[in-house]
């Protein structure tokens, strides 16, 4: 049986997938689940030796990651996004930690994530420290069914969660355009999911959420220490908070129109 499986979901990640997969060349199995890329993501993943599964539909981030998880065969699973990289230091730490875990012990690992914005590593703003639960025994965890902002759910509440020291490198926003593109998709999916659950908000909630997100990130989470890029990140976080609630507000207005007529 394989020791470690790495799972990645993709959609038009030709600029990221090669570097991502190169960083996990130490894994025994790499699974890529693609949701209809129109670039060469699939061919790059295949050339890198990954097992690629092409899916025609898009069920959301959580369900898609569970599809990849179902294809893993290793004793351990490391779930990555295509814009993340495992450094040599993190690779060594992962292998050392897995070798130390006694057979049958329920353990999962959180990994600190360091995110880069427009070529600058952001060390505050609420982005750092950012501990993500990504490394776990196969069969002991699943992702939530959320369309966006999915979370990993451990099956056994008694599972011990340990933290690794070396960061997972996150190249999420090389340009402002990348941020706006992700923001549009995340805001739409978040709002649609909350709308389907019967959630409604007013314009005041949207405005206050945007202001609070900026103030929290820039002041309480020391975004000002990241200089000009910290200010940009905190401003965009405020816009992101406003955007998702505004999207939900508009959906509520649309659904209420027939009732008013």
C-alpha atoms as a PDB file:
ATOM      1  CA  UNK A   1       0.000   0.000   0.000  1.00  0.00           C
ATOM      2  CA  UNK A   2       1.180   3.522  -0.785  1.00  0.00           C
ATOM      3  CA  UNK A   3       2.270   5.603   2.173  1.00  0.00           C
ATOM      4  CA  UNK A   4       1.262   9.080   0.975  1.00  0.00           C
ATOM      5  CA  UNK A   5      -1.283  10.246  -1.593  1.00  0.00           C
ATOM      6  CA  UNK A   6      -1.540  13.869  -2.707  1.00  0.00           C
ATOM      7  CA  UNK A   7      -4.868  15.126  -4.066  1.00  0.00           C
ATOM      8  CA  UNK A   8      -5.393  18.281  -6.148  1.00  0.00           C
ATOM      9  CA  UNK A   9      -8.491  19.665  -7.878  1.00  0.00           C
ATOM     10  CA  UNK A  10      -8.030  21.863 -10.942  1.00  0.00           C
ATOM     11  CA  UNK A  11      -9.727  24.136 -13.451  1.00  0.00           C
ATOM     12  CA  UNK A  12      -7.506  25.945 -15.959  1.00  0.00           C
ATOM     13  CA  UNK A  13      -4.411  25.807 -13.758  1.00  0.00           C
ATOM     14  CA  UNK A  14      -1.786  25.559 -16.490  1.00  0.00           C
ATOM     15  CA  UNK A  15       0.258  28.325 -14.855  1.00  0.00           C
ATOM     16  CA  UNK A  16       0.372  26.471 -11.524  1.00  0.00           C
ATOM     17  CA  UNK A  17      -0.034  22.733 -11.877  1.00  0.00           C
ATOM     18  CA  UNK A  18       3.488  21.835 -13.043  1.00  0.00           C
ATOM     19  CA  UNK A  19       5.180  23.609 -10.125  1.00  0.00           C
ATOM     20  CA  UNK A  20       2.631  22.220  -7.665  1.00  0.00           C
ATOM     21  CA  UNK A  21       3.158  18.625  -8.773  1.00  0.00           C
ATOM     22  CA  UNK A  22       6.939  19.044  -8.962  1.00  0.00           C
ATOM     23  CA  UNK A  23       6.910  20.042  -5.285  1.00  0.00           C
ATOM     24  CA  UNK A  24       5.225  16.753  -4.290  1.00  0.00           C
ATOM     25  CA  UNK A  25       7.401  14.403  -6.292  1.00  0.00           C
ATOM     26  CA  UNK A  26       8.191  12.562  -3.059  1.00  0.00           C
ATOM     27  CA  UNK A  27       4.580  11.312  -2.765  1.00  0.00           C
ATOM     28  CA  UNK A  28       3.703   7.714  -3.640  1.00  0.00           C
ATOM     29  CA  UNK A  29       0.550   8.729  -5.513  1.00  0.00           C
ATOM     30  CA  UNK A  30      -0.709  12.012  -6.958  1.00  0.00           C
ATOM     31  CA  UNK A  31      -4.394  12.380  -7.892  1.00  0.00           C
ATOM     32  CA  UNK A  32      -5.692  15.302  -9.968  1.00  0.00           C
ATOM     33  CA  UNK A  33      -9.429  15.773 -10.462  1.00  0.00           C
ATOM     34  CA  UNK A  34     -10.103  18.280 -13.236  1.00  0.00           C
ATOM     35  CA  UNK A  35     -13.449  19.956 -13.846  1.00  0.00           C
ATOM     36  CA  UNK A  36     -13.267  20.803 -17.537  1.00  0.00           C
ATOM     37  CA  UNK A  37     -10.065  22.765 -18.126  1.00  0.00           C
ATOM     38  CA  UNK A  38      -9.794  24.329 -21.570  1.00  0.00           C
ATOM     39  CA  UNK A  39      -6.037  24.877 -21.311  1.00  0.00           C
ATOM     40  CA  UNK A  40      -3.309  22.232 -21.020  1.00  0.00           C
ATOM     41  CA  UNK A  41      -3.755  21.553 -17.297  1.00  0.00           C
ATOM     42  CA  UNK A  42      -4.689  17.922 -17.880  1.00  0.00           C
ATOM     43  CA  UNK A  43      -1.797  17.157 -20.229  1.00  0.00           C
ATOM     44  CA  UNK A  44       0.689  18.823 -17.871  1.00  0.00           C
ATOM     45  CA  UNK A  45      -0.621  16.778 -14.948  1.00  0.00           C
ATOM     46  CA  UNK A  46      -0.397  13.572 -16.963  1.00  0.00           C
ATOM     47  CA  UNK A  47       3.173  14.358 -18.053  1.00  0.00           C
ATOM     48  CA  UNK A  48       4.040  14.913 -14.382  1.00  0.00           C
ATOM     49  CA  UNK A  49       2.882  11.364 -13.614  1.00  0.00           C
ATOM     50  CA  UNK A  50      -0.383  12.210 -11.877  1.00  0.00           C
ATOM     51  CA  UNK A  51      -3.478  10.043 -12.055  1.00  0.00           C
ATOM     52  CA  UNK A  52      -5.970  12.376 -13.734  1.00  0.00           C
ATOM     53  CA  UNK A  53      -9.757  12.090 -13.521  1.00  0.00           C
ATOM     54  CA  UNK A  54     -11.772  14.463 -15.741  1.00  0.00           C
ATOM     55  CA  UNK A  55     -15.217  15.443 -14.435  1.00  0.00           C
ATOM     56  CA  UNK A  56     -17.737  17.246 -16.635  1.00  0.00           C
ATOM     57  CA  UNK A  57     -19.698  18.926 -13.853  1.00  0.00           C
ATOM     58  CA  UNK A  58     -18.759  21.232 -10.977  1.00  0.00           C
ATOM     59  CA  UNK A  59     -20.428  20.266  -7.667  1.00  0.00           C
ATOM     60  CA  UNK A  60     -18.498  22.794  -5.570  1.00  0.00           C
ATOM     61  CA  UNK A  61     -15.133  22.785  -3.806  1.00  0.00           C
ATOM     62  CA  UNK A  62     -16.071  20.429  -0.983  1.00  0.00           C
ATOM     63  CA  UNK A  63     -17.708  17.695  -3.100  1.00  0.00           C
ATOM     64  CA  UNK A  64     -14.959  17.954  -5.723  1.00  0.00           C
ATOM     65  CA  UNK A  65     -12.245  17.467  -3.110  1.00  0.00           C
ATOM     66  CA  UNK A  66     -14.135  14.440  -1.821  1.00  0.00           C
ATOM     67  CA  UNK A  67     -14.087  13.007  -5.347  1.00  0.00           C
ATOM     68  CA  UNK A  68     -10.301  13.306  -5.332  1.00  0.00           C
ATOM     69  CA  UNK A  69     -10.150  11.831  -1.842  1.00  0.00           C
ATOM     70  CA  UNK A  70     -12.129   8.790  -3.019  1.00  0.00           C
ATOM     71  CA  UNK A  71      -9.390   8.044  -5.580  1.00  0.00           C
ATOM     72  CA  UNK A  72      -6.546   8.143  -3.052  1.00  0.00           C
ATOM     73  CA  UNK A  73      -5.036   4.797  -2.045  1.00  0.00           C
ATOM     74  CA  UNK A  74      -2.320   5.872   0.404  1.00  0.00           C
ATOM     75  CA  UNK A  75      -2.357   5.393   4.135  1.00  0.00           C
ATOM     76  CA  UNK A  76      -2.055   9.174   4.427  1.00  0.00           C
ATOM     77  CA  UNK A  77      -3.561  11.950   2.290  1.00  0.00           C
ATOM     78  CA  UNK A  78      -2.198  15.447   1.708  1.00  0.00           C
ATOM     79  CA  UNK A  79      -4.787  17.717   0.100  1.00  0.00           C
ATOM     80  CA  UNK A  80      -3.389  20.652  -1.873  1.00  0.00           C
ATOM     81  CA  UNK A  81      -4.657  23.453  -4.086  1.00  0.00           C
ATOM     82  CA  UNK A  82      -2.973  23.918  -7.440  1.00  0.00           C
ATOM     83  CA  UNK A  83      -1.456  27.254  -6.375  1.00  0.00           C
ATOM     84  CA  UNK A  84       0.290  25.745  -3.348  1.00  0.00           C
ATOM     85  CA  UNK A  85       3.839  24.372  -3.103  1.00  0.00           C
ATOM     86  CA  UNK A  86       5.542  22.024  -0.641  1.00  0.00           C
ATOM     87  CA  UNK A  87       9.026  23.304   0.121  1.00  0.00           C
ATOM     88  CA  UNK A  88      11.925  20.867   0.620  1.00  0.00           C
ATOM     89  CA  UNK A  89      11.870  21.717   4.341  1.00  0.00           C
ATOM     90  CA  UNK A  90       8.152  20.945   4.605  1.00  0.00           C
ATOM     91  CA  UNK A  91       8.639  17.733   2.599  1.00  0.00           C
ATOM     92  CA  UNK A  92      11.277  16.529   5.051  1.00  0.00           C
ATOM     93  CA  UNK A  93       9.114  17.434   8.046  1.00  0.00           C
ATOM     94  CA  UNK A  94       6.091  15.604   6.613  1.00  0.00           C
ATOM     95  CA  UNK A  95       8.046  12.412   5.996  1.00  0.00           C
ATOM     96  CA  UNK A  96       9.643  12.554   9.432  1.00  0.00           C
ATOM     97  CA  UNK A  97       6.323  13.080  11.188  1.00  0.00           C
ATOM     98  CA  UNK A  98       4.542  10.289   9.322  1.00  0.00           C
ATOM     99  CA  UNK A  99       7.352   7.888  10.170  1.00  0.00           C
ATOM    100  CA  UNK A 100       6.896   8.646  13.871  1.00  0.00           C
ATOM    101  CA  UNK A 101       3.143   8.040  14.092  1.00  0.00           C
ATOM    102  CA  UNK A 102       2.412   4.663  15.723  1.00  0.00           C
ATOM    103  CA  UNK A 103       0.203   2.291  13.747  1.00  0.00           C
ATOM    104  CA  UNK A 104      -3.452   2.718  14.582  1.00  0.00           C
ATOM    105  CA  UNK A 105      -3.081   6.134  16.232  1.00  0.00           C
ATOM    106  CA  UNK A 106      -5.574   8.749  15.001  1.00  0.00           C
ATOM    107  CA  UNK A 107      -3.527  11.821  14.135  1.00  0.00           C
ATOM    108  CA  UNK A 108      -3.995  14.676  11.669  1.00  0.00           C
ATOM    109  CA  UNK A 109      -1.709  17.609  10.902  1.00  0.00           C
ATOM    110  CA  UNK A 110      -2.294  21.314  10.440  1.00  0.00           C
ATOM    111  CA  UNK A 111       0.191  23.119   8.208  1.00  0.00           C
ATOM    112  CA  UNK A 112       0.982  26.847   8.490  1.00  0.00           C
ATOM    113  CA  UNK A 113       0.348  28.562   5.164  1.00  0.00           C
ATOM    114  CA  UNK A 114       2.250  31.586   3.883  1.00  0.00           C
ATOM    115  CA  UNK A 115       0.484  33.485   1.095  1.00  0.00           C
ATOM    116  CA  UNK A 116       2.046  35.663  -1.569  1.00  0.00           C
ATOM    117  CA  UNK A 117       0.214  38.684  -2.993  1.00  0.00           C
ATOM    118  CA  UNK A 118       1.581  40.364  -6.135  1.00  0.00           C
ATOM    119  CA  UNK A 119       5.057  38.984  -5.458  1.00  0.00           C
ATOM    120  CA  UNK A 120       5.140  39.916  -1.741  1.00  0.00           C
ATOM    121  CA  UNK A 121       4.801  37.476   1.145  1.00  0.00           C
ATOM    122  CA  UNK A 122       2.036  38.716   3.453  1.00  0.00           C
ATOM    123  CA  UNK A 123       2.877  38.038   7.095  1.00  0.00           C
ATOM    124  CA  UNK A 124      -0.053  39.740   8.808  1.00  0.00           C
ATOM    125  CA  UNK A 125      -3.567  40.890   7.738  1.00  0.00           C
ATOM    126  CA  UNK A 126      -5.069  37.701   9.162  1.00  0.00           C
ATOM    127  CA  UNK A 127      -3.333  35.714   6.421  1.00  0.00           C
ATOM    128  CA  UNK A 128      -0.488  34.635   8.696  1.00  0.00           C
ATOM    129  CA  UNK A 129      -0.554  32.538  10.738  1.00  0.00           C
ATOM    130  CA  UNK A 130      -3.015  30.532   8.674  1.00  0.00           C
ATOM    131  CA  UNK A 131      -3.048  26.920   9.869  1.00  0.00           C
ATOM    132  CA  UNK A 132      -4.866  24.618   7.451  1.00  0.00           C
ATOM    133  CA  UNK A 133      -5.823  21.016   8.216  1.00  0.00           C
ATOM    134  CA  UNK A 134      -4.554  19.126   5.171  1.00  0.00           C
ATOM    135  CA  UNK A 135      -2.662  15.979   6.191  1.00  0.00           C
ATOM    136  CA  UNK A 136      -4.622  13.046   7.617  1.00  0.00           C
ATOM    137  CA  UNK A 137      -5.098   9.298   7.551  1.00  0.00           C
ATOM    138  CA  UNK A 138      -7.214   8.127   4.637  1.00  0.00           C
ATOM    139  CA  UNK A 139     -10.693   7.201   5.791  1.00  0.00           C
ATOM    140  CA  UNK A 140     -10.561   9.399   8.896  1.00  0.00           C
ATOM    141  CA  UNK A 141     -11.684  12.706   7.362  1.00  0.00           C
ATOM    142  CA  UNK A 142     -13.888  14.186   4.630  1.00  0.00           C
ATOM    143  CA  UNK A 143     -14.507  17.657   3.297  1.00  0.00           C
ATOM    144  CA  UNK A 144     -17.734  19.493   4.008  1.00  0.00           C
ATOM    145  CA  UNK A 145     -20.221  19.813   1.150  1.00  0.00           C
ATOM    146  CA  UNK A 146     -19.868  23.595   0.966  1.00  0.00           C
ATOM    147  CA  UNK A 147     -19.674  25.084  -2.515  1.00  0.00           C
ATOM    148  CA  UNK A 148     -16.913  27.415  -1.314  1.00  0.00           C
ATOM    149  CA  UNK A 149     -14.826  27.810   1.860  1.00  0.00           C
ATOM    150  CA  UNK A 150     -15.020  24.082   2.463  1.00  0.00           C
ATOM    151  CA  UNK A 151     -13.494  22.589   5.608  1.00  0.00           C
ATOM    152  CA  UNK A 152     -11.990  19.231   6.456  1.00  0.00           C
ATOM    153  CA  UNK A 153     -14.091  17.291   8.976  1.00  0.00           C
ATOM    154  CA  UNK A 154     -12.417  14.645  11.119  1.00  0.00           C
ATOM    155  CA  UNK A 155     -14.580  11.565  11.613  1.00  0.00           C
ATOM    156  CA  UNK A 156     -13.288  10.835  15.113  1.00  0.00           C
ATOM    157  CA  UNK A 157     -13.551  13.784  17.527  1.00  0.00           C
ATOM    158  CA  UNK A 158     -10.760  12.207  19.542  1.00  0.00           C
ATOM    159  CA  UNK A 159      -8.246  12.537  16.711  1.00  0.00           C
ATOM    160  CA  UNK A 160      -5.112  14.332  17.865  1.00  0.00           C
ATOM    161  CA  UNK A 161      -4.320  17.373  15.708  1.00  0.00           C
ATOM    162  CA  UNK A 162      -0.642  18.346  15.566  1.00  0.00           C
ATOM    163  CA  UNK A 163       0.915  21.381  13.914  1.00  0.00           C
ATOM    164  CA  UNK A 164       3.837  21.300  11.541  1.00  0.00           C
ATOM    165  CA  UNK A 165       6.410  24.094  11.621  1.00  0.00           C
ATOM    166  CA  UNK A 166       7.431  24.670   8.008  1.00  0.00           C
ATOM    167  CA  UNK A 167       4.933  26.665   5.917  1.00  0.00           C
ATOM    168  CA  UNK A 168       2.996  25.614   2.857  1.00  0.00           C
ATOM    169  CA  UNK A 169       3.754  28.204   0.183  1.00  0.00           C
ATOM    170  CA  UNK A 170       0.616  29.728  -1.330  1.00  0.00           C
ATOM    171  CA  UNK A 171       0.999  31.590  -4.646  1.00  0.00           C
ATOM    172  CA  UNK A 172      -2.644  32.557  -4.797  1.00  0.00           C
ATOM    173  CA  UNK A 173      -2.619  36.101  -6.188  1.00  0.00           C
ATOM    174  CA  UNK A 174       0.274  36.868  -8.574  1.00  0.00           C
ATOM    175  CA  UNK A 175      -1.672  39.854  -9.963  1.00  0.00           C
ATOM    176  CA  UNK A 176      -4.668  41.957  -8.835  1.00  0.00           C
ATOM    177  CA  UNK A 177      -6.630  40.393 -11.697  1.00  0.00           C
ATOM    178  CA  UNK A 178      -6.208  36.976 -10.113  1.00  0.00           C
ATOM    179  CA  UNK A 179      -7.676  38.308  -6.878  1.00  0.00           C
ATOM    180  CA  UNK A 180     -10.714  39.864  -8.564  1.00  0.00           C
ATOM    181  CA  UNK A 181     -11.345  36.734 -10.616  1.00  0.00           C
ATOM    182  CA  UNK A 182     -11.344  34.519  -7.519  1.00  0.00           C
ATOM    183  CA  UNK A 183     -13.369  37.051  -5.569  1.00  0.00           C
ATOM    184  CA  UNK A 184     -16.118  37.061  -8.202  1.00  0.00           C
ATOM    185  CA  UNK A 185     -16.368  33.276  -8.204  1.00  0.00           C
ATOM    186  CA  UNK A 186     -16.220  32.890  -4.422  1.00  0.00           C
ATOM    187  CA  UNK A 187     -18.740  35.665  -3.795  1.00  0.00           C
ATOM    188  CA  UNK A 188     -21.196  34.180  -6.279  1.00  0.00           C
ATOM    189  CA  UNK A 189     -20.938  30.646  -4.904  1.00  0.00           C
ATOM    190  CA  UNK A 190     -21.072  31.805  -1.264  1.00  0.00           C
ATOM    191  CA  UNK A 191     -24.137  33.971  -1.887  1.00  0.00           C
ATOM    192  CA  UNK A 192     -25.989  31.297  -3.839  1.00  0.00           C
ATOM    193  CA  UNK A 193     -25.414  28.730  -1.126  1.00  0.00           C
ATOM    194  CA  UNK A 194     -26.592  31.081   1.635  1.00  0.00           C
ATOM    195  CA  UNK A 195     -29.587  32.160  -0.472  1.00  0.00           C
ATOM    196  CA  UNK A 196     -30.604  28.530  -0.986  1.00  0.00           C
ATOM    197  CA  UNK A 197     -30.491  28.127   2.798  1.00  0.00           C
ATOM    198  CA  UNK A 198     -32.990  30.969   3.171  1.00  0.00           C
ATOM    199  CA  UNK A 199     -30.498  33.621   4.279  1.00  0.00           C
ATOM    200  CA  UNK A 200     -31.372  37.289   3.664  1.00  0.00           C
ATOM    201  CA  UNK A 201     -29.383  40.462   4.379  1.00  0.00           C
ATOM    202  CA  UNK A 202     -29.884  44.192   4.012  1.00  0.00           C
ATOM    203  CA  UNK A 203     -27.610  46.747   2.399  1.00  0.00           C
ATOM    204  CA  UNK A 204     -26.515  48.035   5.801  1.00  0.00           C
ATOM    205  CA  UNK A 205     -25.163  44.574   6.706  1.00  0.00           C
ATOM    206  CA  UNK A 206     -23.171  44.493   3.480  1.00  0.00           C
ATOM    207  CA  UNK A 207     -21.673  47.939   4.114  1.00  0.00           C
ATOM    208  CA  UNK A 208     -20.813  47.252   7.753  1.00  0.00           C
ATOM    209  CA  UNK A 209     -19.266  43.889   6.865  1.00  0.00           C
ATOM    210  CA  UNK A 210     -16.934  45.556   4.381  1.00  0.00           C
ATOM    211  CA  UNK A 211     -15.831  48.226   6.842  1.00  0.00           C
ATOM    212  CA  UNK A 212     -15.396  45.741   9.695  1.00  0.00           C
ATOM    213  CA  UNK A 213     -13.319  43.382   7.539  1.00  0.00           C
ATOM    214  CA  UNK A 214     -10.903  46.169   6.587  1.00  0.00           C
ATOM    215  CA  UNK A 215     -10.591  47.525  10.127  1.00  0.00           C
ATOM    216  CA  UNK A 216     -10.102  44.065  11.649  1.00  0.00           C
ATOM    217  CA  UNK A 217      -7.405  43.096   9.129  1.00  0.00           C
ATOM    218  CA  UNK A 218      -5.539  46.406   9.051  1.00  0.00           C
ATOM    219  CA  UNK A 219      -5.625  47.292  12.747  1.00  0.00           C
ATOM    220  CA  UNK A 220      -6.300  44.257  14.936  1.00  0.00           C
ATOM    221  CA  UNK A 221      -4.405  41.847  12.679  1.00  0.00           C
ATOM    222  CA  UNK A 222      -1.539  44.275  12.082  1.00  0.00           C
ATOM    223  CA  UNK A 223      -1.964  44.602   8.317  1.00  0.00           C
ATOM    224  CA  UNK A 224      -0.227  47.984   8.507  1.00  0.00           C
ATOM    225  CA  UNK A 225       3.031  46.139   9.228  1.00  0.00           C
ATOM    226  CA  UNK A 226       2.966  44.743   5.678  1.00  0.00           C
ATOM    227  CA  UNK A 227       3.276  48.224   4.221  1.00  0.00           C
ATOM    228  CA  UNK A 228       1.638  49.209   0.948  1.00  0.00           C
ATOM    229  CA  UNK A 229       0.742  45.642   0.021  1.00  0.00           C
ATOM    230  CA  UNK A 230      -0.766  45.136   3.463  1.00  0.00           C
ATOM    231  CA  UNK A 231      -3.020  48.129   2.902  1.00  0.00           C
ATOM    232  CA  UNK A 232      -3.995  46.740  -0.508  1.00  0.00           C
ATOM    233  CA  UNK A 233      -4.776  43.295   0.943  1.00  0.00           C
ATOM    234  CA  UNK A 234      -6.899  44.736   3.772  1.00  0.00           C
ATOM    235  CA  UNK A 235      -8.768  47.006   1.367  1.00  0.00           C
ATOM    236  CA  UNK A 236      -9.512  44.084  -0.916  1.00  0.00           C
ATOM    237  CA  UNK A 237     -10.639  41.999   2.036  1.00  0.00           C
ATOM    238  CA  UNK A 238     -13.095  44.746   2.873  1.00  0.00           C
ATOM    239  CA  UNK A 239     -14.315  44.775  -0.719  1.00  0.00           C
ATOM    240  CA  UNK A 240     -14.601  40.987  -0.669  1.00  0.00           C
ATOM    241  CA  UNK A 241     -16.750  41.051   2.475  1.00  0.00           C
ATOM    242  CA  UNK A 242     -18.994  43.730   0.982  1.00  0.00           C
ATOM    243  CA  UNK A 243     -19.155  41.917  -2.354  1.00  0.00           C
ATOM    244  CA  UNK A 244     -20.419  38.592  -1.047  1.00  0.00           C
ATOM    245  CA  UNK A 245     -23.108  40.191   1.122  1.00  0.00           C
ATOM    246  CA  UNK A 246     -24.115  42.519  -1.714  1.00  0.00           C
ATOM    247  CA  UNK A 247     -24.469  39.489  -3.986  1.00  0.00           C
ATOM    248  CA  UNK A 248     -26.692  37.850  -1.371  1.00  0.00           C
ATOM    249  CA  UNK A 249     -28.692  41.079  -1.028  1.00  0.00           C
ATOM    250  CA  UNK A 250     -29.318  41.184  -4.777  1.00  0.00           C
ATOM    251  CA  UNK A 251     -30.410  37.541  -4.854  1.00  0.00           C
ATOM    252  CA  UNK A 252     -32.914  38.284  -2.122  1.00  0.00           C
ATOM    253  CA  UNK A 253     -34.331  41.230  -4.061  1.00  0.00           C
ATOM    254  CA  UNK A 254     -34.681  39.095  -7.183  1.00  0.00           C
ATOM    255  CA  UNK A 255     -36.529  36.327  -5.374  1.00  0.00           C
ATOM    256  CA  UNK A 256     -38.866  38.830  -3.693  1.00  0.00           C
ATOM    257  CA  UNK A 257     -39.928  40.532  -6.949  1.00  0.00           C
ATOM    258  CA  UNK A 258     -42.710  38.070  -7.933  1.00  0.00           C
ATOM    259  CA  UNK A 259     -44.220  38.447  -4.464  1.00  0.00           C
ATOM    260  CA  UNK A 260     -44.342  42.222  -4.821  1.00  0.00           C
ATOM    261  CA  UNK A 261     -46.095  41.981  -8.200  1.00  0.00           C
END
